[in-house]
């Protein structure tokens, strides 16, 4: 994953409220286990527009998915994207030379 993409996604999760939202959202698409904006606002104790703002940032970073189901829009974790973020971050923190070399090559060819 390019460092610029990883930085954008890490910035999106670098907010305590967004981390709380990620902790509440399910890993599977379902309206029974999922949360809509109203439910998240109630659970977090913050206004709906604020929740919507945080969801928009997480969605734009491709960390969550949204779909209208059961009369409301429900949100869930985009697990494949979150796994890539975790793996990329771990590779950087371990100073994995192979990962760093591959990343340097990809960025220089842009």
Foldseek 3Di string as FASTA:
>chain_A
DAPVLLVLQCVLCVDVLLVVVQVQFAADDDPVSWDFLVRSCVVVVHDSVVSVVSVVSCVVSVQKDWDDDPNGITIHGPVVVVVVSVVLVVCVVVVPVVSVVVNVVVVVVD
